[in-house]
Amino acid sequence: QVLAGPQLALGANSPYLFGHRLQAETRP
């Protein structure tokens, strides 16, 4: 749980959904 934030900062890979630029990691 502590590592969840750093993991996403390192590994974000989902910035677009349905043509919209949203969050760096939009999945959550």
PDB file of all heavy atoms in Angstrom:
ATOM      1  N   GLN A   1       0.830  -1.204   0.000  1.00  0.00           N
ATOM      2  CA  GLN A   1       0.000   0.000   0.000  1.00  0.00           C
ATOM      3  C   GLN A   1       0.867   1.257   0.000  1.00  0.00           C
ATOM      4  O   GLN A   1       0.568   2.234  -0.693  1.00  0.00           O
ATOM      5  CB  GLN A   1      -0.918  -0.007   1.228  1.00  0.00           C
ATOM      6  CG  GLN A   1      -1.989  -1.094   1.213  1.00  0.00           C
ATOM      7  CD  GLN A   1      -3.082  -0.816   0.203  1.00  0.00           C
ATOM      8  OE1 GLN A   1      -3.038  -1.311  -0.925  1.00  0.00           O
ATOM      9  NE2 GLN A   1      -4.062  -0.020   0.584  1.00  0.00           N
ATOM     10  N   VAL A   2       1.944   1.258   0.777  1.00  0.00           N
ATOM     11  CA  VAL A   2       2.868   2.390   0.778  1.00  0.00           C
ATOM     12  C   VAL A   2       3.440   2.620  -0.616  1.00  0.00           C
ATOM     13  O   VAL A   2       3.601   3.757  -1.065  1.00  0.00           O
ATOM     14  CB  VAL A   2       4.016   2.144   1.786  1.00  0.00           C
ATOM     15  CG1 VAL A   2       5.124   3.178   1.609  1.00  0.00           C
ATOM     16  CG2 VAL A   2       3.489   2.177   3.214  1.00  0.00           C
ATOM     17  N   LEU A   3       3.730   1.519  -1.302  1.00  0.00           N
ATOM     18  CA  LEU A   3       4.396   1.617  -2.607  1.00  0.00           C
ATOM     19  C   LEU A   3       3.455   1.968  -3.753  1.00  0.00           C
ATOM     20  O   LEU A   3       3.924   2.267  -4.851  1.00  0.00           O
ATOM     21  CB  LEU A   3       5.078   0.287  -2.929  1.00  0.00           C
ATOM     22  CG  LEU A   3       6.493   0.110  -2.405  1.00  0.00           C
ATOM     23  CD1 LEU A   3       7.018  -1.265  -2.765  1.00  0.00           C
ATOM     24  CD2 LEU A   3       7.405   1.184  -2.984  1.00  0.00           C
ATOM     25  N   ALA A   4       2.155   1.920  -3.542  1.00  0.00           N
ATOM     26  CA  ALA A   4       1.216   2.101  -4.647  1.00  0.00           C
ATOM     27  C   ALA A   4       1.414   3.437  -5.359  1.00  0.00           C
ATOM     28  O   ALA A   4       1.388   3.506  -6.594  1.00  0.00           O
ATOM     29  CB  ALA A   4      -0.224   1.970  -4.145  1.00  0.00           C
ATOM     30  N   GLY A   5       1.622   4.513  -4.609  1.00  0.00           N
ATOM     31  CA  GLY A   5       1.851   5.812  -5.238  1.00  0.00           C
ATOM     32  C   GLY A   5       3.125   5.850  -6.063  1.00  0.00           C
ATOM     33  O   GLY A   5       3.091   6.195  -7.251  1.00  0.00           O
ATOM     34  N   PRO A   6       4.280   5.507  -5.466  1.00  0.00           N
ATOM     35  CA  PRO A   6       5.497   5.477  -6.271  1.00  0.00           C
ATOM     36  C   PRO A   6       5.417   4.551  -7.479  1.00  0.00           C
ATOM     37  O   PRO A   6       5.972   4.859  -8.541  1.00  0.00           O
ATOM     38  CB  PRO A   6       6.555   4.993  -5.268  1.00  0.00           C
ATOM     39  CG  PRO A   6       6.051   5.466  -3.933  1.00  0.00           C
ATOM     40  CD  PRO A   6       4.563   5.349  -4.019  1.00  0.00           C
ATOM     41  N   GLN A   7       4.727   3.417  -7.340  1.00  0.00           N
ATOM     42  CA  GLN A   7       4.563   2.524  -8.495  1.00  0.00           C
ATOM     43  C   GLN A   7       3.894   3.240  -9.655  1.00  0.00           C
ATOM     44  O   GLN A   7       4.303   3.091 -10.812  1.00  0.00           O
ATOM     45  CB  GLN A   7       3.719   1.304  -8.113  1.00  0.00           C
ATOM     46  CG  GLN A   7       4.452   0.176  -7.431  1.00  0.00           C
ATOM     47  CD  GLN A   7       3.522  -1.003  -7.199  1.00  0.00           C
ATOM     48  OE1 GLN A   7       2.636  -0.957  -6.342  1.00  0.00           O
ATOM     49  NE2 GLN A   7       3.700  -2.049  -7.985  1.00  0.00           N
ATOM     50  N   LEU A   8       2.835   3.991  -9.376  1.00  0.00           N
ATOM     51  CA  LEU A   8       2.118   4.673 -10.453  1.00  0.00           C
ATOM     52  C   LEU A   8       2.941   5.804 -11.051  1.00  0.00           C
ATOM     53  O   LEU A   8       2.906   6.028 -12.267  1.00  0.00           O
ATOM     54  CB  LEU A   8       0.778   5.209  -9.943  1.00  0.00           C
ATOM     55  CG  LEU A   8      -0.336   4.180  -9.777  1.00  0.00           C
ATOM     56  CD1 LEU A   8      -1.645   4.877  -9.419  1.00  0.00           C
ATOM     57  CD2 LEU A   8      -0.526   3.350 -11.041  1.00  0.00           C
ATOM     58  N   ALA A   9       3.670   6.535 -10.221  1.00  0.00           N
ATOM     59  CA  ALA A   9       4.516   7.594 -10.774  1.00  0.00           C
ATOM     60  C   ALA A   9       5.557   7.016 -11.723  1.00  0.00           C
ATOM     61  O   ALA A   9       5.840   7.581 -12.780  1.00  0.00           O
ATOM     62  CB  ALA A   9       5.193   8.359  -9.632  1.00  0.00           C
ATOM     63  N   LEU A  10       6.122   5.867 -11.364  1.00  0.00           N
ATOM     64  CA  LEU A  10       7.111   5.205 -12.207  1.00  0.00           C
ATOM     65  C   LEU A  10       6.508   4.590 -13.459  1.00  0.00           C
ATOM     66  O   LEU A  10       7.111   4.613 -14.527  1.00  0.00           O
ATOM     67  CB  LEU A  10       7.783   4.082 -11.415  1.00  0.00           C
ATOM     68  CG  LEU A  10       9.079   4.374 -10.682  1.00  0.00           C
ATOM     69  CD1 LEU A  10       9.414   3.219  -9.762  1.00  0.00           C
ATOM     70  CD2 LEU A  10      10.207   4.616 -11.669  1.00  0.00           C
ATOM     71  N   GLY A  11       5.317   4.000 -13.315  1.00  0.00           N
ATOM     72  CA  GLY A  11       4.804   3.130 -14.365  1.00  0.00           C
ATOM     73  C   GLY A  11       3.550   3.580 -15.065  1.00  0.00           C
ATOM     74  O   GLY A  11       2.976   2.805 -15.845  1.00  0.00           O
ATOM     75  N   ALA A  12       3.065   4.805 -14.840  1.00  0.00           N
ATOM     76  CA  ALA A  12       1.828   5.264 -15.478  1.00  0.00           C
ATOM     77  C   ALA A  12       1.899   5.056 -16.987  1.00  0.00           C
ATOM     78  O   ALA A  12       2.914   5.345 -17.611  1.00  0.00           O
ATOM     79  CB  ALA A  12       1.574   6.734 -15.149  1.00  0.00           C
ATOM     80  N   ASN A  13       0.784   4.584 -17.571  1.00  0.00           N
ATOM     81  CA  ASN A  13       0.798   4.264 -19.004  1.00  0.00           C
ATOM     82  C   ASN A  13      -0.608   4.326 -19.602  1.00  0.00           C
ATOM     83  O   ASN A  13      -0.898   3.620 -20.554  1.00  0.00           O
ATOM     84  CB  ASN A  13       1.399   2.859 -19.205  1.00  0.00           C
ATOM     85  CG  ASN A  13       1.824   2.587 -20.633  1.00  0.00           C
ATOM     86  OD1 ASN A  13       2.221   3.488 -21.361  1.00  0.00           O
ATOM     87  ND2 ASN A  13       1.733   1.324 -21.055  1.00  0.00           N
ATOM     88  N   SER A  14      -1.470   5.191 -19.053  1.00  0.00           N
ATOM     89  CA  SER A  14      -2.870   5.221 -19.503  1.00  0.00           C
ATOM     90  C   SER A  14      -3.415   6.649 -19.544  1.00  0.00           C
ATOM     91  O   SER A  14      -4.396   6.971 -18.866  1.00  0.00           O
ATOM     92  CB  SER A  14      -3.732   4.375 -18.555  1.00  0.00           C
ATOM     93  OG  SER A  14      -3.158   3.128 -18.275  1.00  0.00           O
ATOM     94  N   PRO A  15      -2.847   7.534 -20.365  1.00  0.00           N
ATOM     95  CA  PRO A  15      -3.276   8.933 -20.316  1.00  0.00           C
ATOM     96  C   PRO A  15      -4.494   9.269 -21.176  1.00  0.00           C
ATOM     97  O   PRO A  15      -5.060  10.357 -21.017  1.00  0.00           O
ATOM     98  CB  PRO A  15      -2.053   9.686 -20.829  1.00  0.00           C
ATOM     99  CG  PRO A  15      -1.411   8.719 -21.786  1.00  0.00           C
ATOM    100  CD  PRO A  15      -1.647   7.354 -21.201  1.00  0.00           C
ATOM    101  N   TYR A  16      -4.892   8.364 -22.089  1.00  0.00           N
ATOM    102  CA  TYR A  16      -5.983   8.686 -23.014  1.00  0.00           C
ATOM    103  C   TYR A  16      -7.120   7.678 -22.879  1.00  0.00           C
ATOM    104  O   TYR A  16      -6.893   6.476 -22.740  1.00  0.00           O
ATOM    105  CB  TYR A  16      -5.490   8.673 -24.465  1.00  0.00           C
ATOM    106  CG  TYR A  16      -4.528   9.787 -24.789  1.00  0.00           C
ATOM    107  CD1 TYR A  16      -3.153   9.559 -24.844  1.00  0.00           C
ATOM    108  CD2 TYR A  16      -5.002  11.081 -25.045  1.00  0.00           C
ATOM    109  CE1 TYR A  16      -2.269  10.585 -25.142  1.00  0.00           C
ATOM    110  CE2 TYR A  16      -4.110  12.113 -25.342  1.00  0.00           C
ATOM    111  CZ  TYR A  16      -2.754  11.857 -25.384  1.00  0.00           C
ATOM    112  OH  TYR A  16      -1.875  12.876 -25.678  1.00  0.00           O
ATOM    113  N   LEU A  17      -8.349   8.188 -22.942  1.00  0.00           N
ATOM    114  CA  LEU A  17      -9.533   7.344 -22.976  1.00  0.00           C
ATOM    115  C   LEU A  17     -10.565   7.993 -23.890  1.00  0.00           C
ATOM    116  O   LEU A  17     -10.932   9.163 -23.686  1.00  0.00           O
ATOM    117  CB  LEU A  17     -10.125   7.165 -21.568  1.00  0.00           C
ATOM    118  CG  LEU A  17     -11.446   6.402 -21.488  1.00  0.00           C
ATOM    119  CD1 LEU A  17     -11.260   4.947 -21.944  1.00  0.00           C
ATOM    120  CD2 LEU A  17     -12.035   6.446 -20.083  1.00  0.00           C
ATOM    121  N   PHE A  18     -10.992   7.249 -24.909  1.00  0.00           N
ATOM    122  CA  PHE A  18     -12.011   7.715 -25.858  1.00  0.00           C
ATOM    123  C   PHE A  18     -11.637   9.082 -26.456  1.00  0.00           C
ATOM    124  O   PHE A  18     -12.479   9.969 -26.622  1.00  0.00           O
ATOM    125  CB  PHE A  18     -13.385   7.785 -25.200  1.00  0.00           C
ATOM    126  CG  PHE A  18     -13.839   6.492 -24.587  1.00  0.00           C
ATOM    127  CD1 PHE A  18     -14.611   6.485 -23.435  1.00  0.00           C
ATOM    128  CD2 PHE A  18     -13.491   5.273 -25.163  1.00  0.00           C
ATOM    129  CE1 PHE A  18     -15.034   5.286 -22.882  1.00  0.00           C
ATOM    130  CE2 PHE A  18     -13.908   4.073 -24.610  1.00  0.00           C
ATOM    131  CZ  PHE A  18     -14.674   4.074 -23.463  1.00  0.00           C
ATOM    132  N   GLY A  19     -10.337   9.244 -26.746  1.00  0.00           N
ATOM    133  CA  GLY A  19      -9.861  10.463 -27.388  1.00  0.00           C
ATOM    134  C   GLY A  19      -9.584  11.614 -26.449  1.00  0.00           C
ATOM    135  O   GLY A  19      -9.080  12.658 -26.886  1.00  0.00           O
ATOM    136  N   HIS A  20      -9.875  11.459 -25.153  1.00  0.00           N
ATOM    137  CA  HIS A  20      -9.654  12.520 -24.180  1.00  0.00           C
ATOM    138  C   HIS A  20      -8.337  12.274 -23.440  1.00  0.00           C
ATOM    139  O   HIS A  20      -8.078  11.157 -22.982  1.00  0.00           O
ATOM    140  CB  HIS A  20     -10.782  12.566 -23.148  1.00  0.00           C
ATOM    141  CG  HIS A  20     -12.101  13.006 -23.703  1.00  0.00           C
ATOM    142  ND1 HIS A  20     -12.715  14.171 -23.320  1.00  0.00           N
ATOM    143  CD2 HIS A  20     -12.926  12.422 -24.610  1.00  0.00           C
ATOM    144  CE1 HIS A  20     -13.867  14.289 -23.965  1.00  0.00           C
ATOM    145  NE2 HIS A  20     -14.011  13.233 -24.757  1.00  0.00           N
ATOM    146  N   ARG A  21      -7.536  13.316 -23.282  1.00  0.00           N
ATOM    147  CA  ARG A  21      -6.385  13.217 -22.398  1.00  0.00           C
ATOM    148  C   ARG A  21      -6.883  13.465 -20.974  1.00  0.00           C
ATOM    149  O   ARG A  21      -7.430  14.529 -20.668  1.00  0.00           O
ATOM    150  CB  ARG A  21      -5.310  14.237 -22.771  1.00  0.00           C
ATOM    151  CG  ARG A  21      -4.096  14.109 -21.844  1.00  0.00           C
ATOM    152  CD  ARG A  21      -3.062  15.168 -22.104  1.00  0.00           C
ATOM    153  NE  ARG A  21      -2.100  15.203 -21.002  1.00  0.00           N
ATOM    154  CZ  ARG A  21      -1.218  16.172 -20.791  1.00  0.00           C
ATOM    155  NH1 ARG A  21      -1.180  17.206 -21.630  1.00  0.00           N
ATOM    156  NH2 ARG A  21      -0.400  16.139 -19.767  1.00  0.00           N
ATOM    157  N   LEU A  22      -6.678  12.469 -20.109  1.00  0.00           N
ATOM    158  CA  LEU A  22      -7.225  12.545 -18.761  1.00  0.00           C
ATOM    159  C   LEU A  22      -6.089  12.530 -17.733  1.00  0.00           C
ATOM    160  O   LEU A  22      -5.292  13.438 -17.687  1.00  0.00           O
ATOM    161  CB  LEU A  22      -8.229  11.408 -18.548  1.00  0.00           C
ATOM    162  CG  LEU A  22      -9.440  11.467 -19.506  1.00  0.00           C
ATOM    163  CD1 LEU A  22     -10.283  10.223 -19.404  1.00  0.00           C
ATOM    164  CD2 LEU A  22     -10.269  12.711 -19.227  1.00  0.00           C
ATOM    165  N   GLN A  23      -5.995  11.482 -16.941  1.00  0.00           N
ATOM    166  CA  GLN A  23      -4.945  11.400 -15.933  1.00  0.00           C
ATOM    167  C   GLN A  23      -3.771  10.594 -16.483  1.00  0.00           C
ATOM    168  O   GLN A  23      -3.916   9.819 -17.425  1.00  0.00           O
ATOM    169  CB  GLN A  23      -5.504  10.768 -14.670  1.00  0.00           C
ATOM    170  CG  GLN A  23      -6.699  11.535 -14.119  1.00  0.00           C
ATOM    171  CD  GLN A  23      -7.171  11.029 -12.773  1.00  0.00           C
ATOM    172  OE1 GLN A  23      -6.529  10.223 -12.127  1.00  0.00           O
ATOM    173  NE2 GLN A  23      -8.318  11.522 -12.352  1.00  0.00           N
ATOM    174  N   ALA A  24      -2.602  10.752 -15.876  1.00  0.00           N
ATOM    175  CA  ALA A  24      -1.446   9.981 -16.331  1.00  0.00           C
ATOM    176  C   ALA A  24      -1.749   8.486 -16.262  1.00  0.00           C
ATOM    177  O   ALA A  24      -1.370   7.729 -17.154  1.00  0.00           O
ATOM    178  CB  ALA A  24      -0.224  10.318 -15.480  1.00  0.00           C
ATOM    179  N   GLU A  25      -2.420   8.074 -15.216  1.00  0.00           N
ATOM    180  CA  GLU A  25      -2.884   6.690 -15.084  1.00  0.00           C
ATOM    181  C   GLU A  25      -4.380   6.736 -14.825  1.00  0.00           C
ATOM    182  O   GLU A  25      -4.835   6.835 -13.682  1.00  0.00           O
ATOM    183  CB  GLU A  25      -2.132   5.956 -13.961  1.00  0.00           C
ATOM    184  CG  GLU A  25      -2.430   4.475 -13.888  1.00  0.00           C
ATOM    185  CD  GLU A  25      -2.268   3.787 -15.243  1.00  0.00           C
ATOM    186  OE1 GLU A  25      -1.254   3.987 -15.924  1.00  0.00           O
ATOM    187  OE2 GLU A  25      -3.195   3.057 -15.610  1.00  0.00           O
ATOM    188  N   THR A  26      -5.160   6.682 -15.901  1.00  0.00           N
ATOM    189  CA  THR A  26      -6.612   6.859 -15.830  1.00  0.00           C
ATOM    190  C   THR A  26      -7.321   5.613 -15.312  1.00  0.00           C
ATOM    191  O   THR A  26      -8.472   5.689 -14.873  1.00  0.00           O
ATOM    192  CB  THR A  26      -7.144   7.241 -17.230  1.00  0.00           C
ATOM    193  OG1 THR A  26      -6.458   8.409 -17.678  1.00  0.00           O
ATOM    194  CG2 THR A  26      -8.632   7.511 -17.227  1.00  0.00           C
ATOM    195  N   ARG A  27      -6.645   4.455 -15.351  1.00  0.00           N
ATOM    196  CA  ARG A  27      -7.295   3.206 -14.946  1.00  0.00           C
ATOM    197  C   ARG A  27      -7.953   3.246 -13.567  1.00  0.00           C
ATOM    198  O   ARG A  27      -9.097   2.802 -13.430  1.00  0.00           O
ATOM    199  CB  ARG A  27      -6.289   2.041 -14.977  1.00  0.00           C
ATOM    200  CG  ARG A  27      -5.909   1.554 -16.335  1.00  0.00           C
ATOM    201  CD  ARG A  27      -4.741   0.579 -16.287  1.00  0.00           C
ATOM    202  NE  ARG A  27      -4.828  -0.397 -15.219  1.00  0.00           N
ATOM    203  CZ  ARG A  27      -4.134  -0.330 -14.077  1.00  0.00           C
ATOM    204  NH1 ARG A  27      -3.307   0.670 -13.834  1.00  0.00           N
ATOM    205  NH2 ARG A  27      -4.256  -1.273 -13.178  1.00  0.00           N
ATOM    206  N   PRO A  28      -7.300   3.734 -12.514  1.00  0.00           N
ATOM    207  CA  PRO A  28      -7.944   3.689 -11.198  1.00  0.00           C
ATOM    208  C   PRO A  28      -9.295   4.393 -11.158  1.00  0.00           C
ATOM    209  O   PRO A  28     -10.272   3.851 -10.608  1.00  0.00           O
ATOM    210  CB  PRO A  28      -6.918   4.373 -10.284  1.00  0.00           C
ATOM    211  CG  PRO A  28      -5.601   4.075 -10.919  1.00  0.00           C
ATOM    212  CD  PRO A  28      -5.883   4.156 -12.398  1.00  0.00           C
TER     213      PRO A  28
END
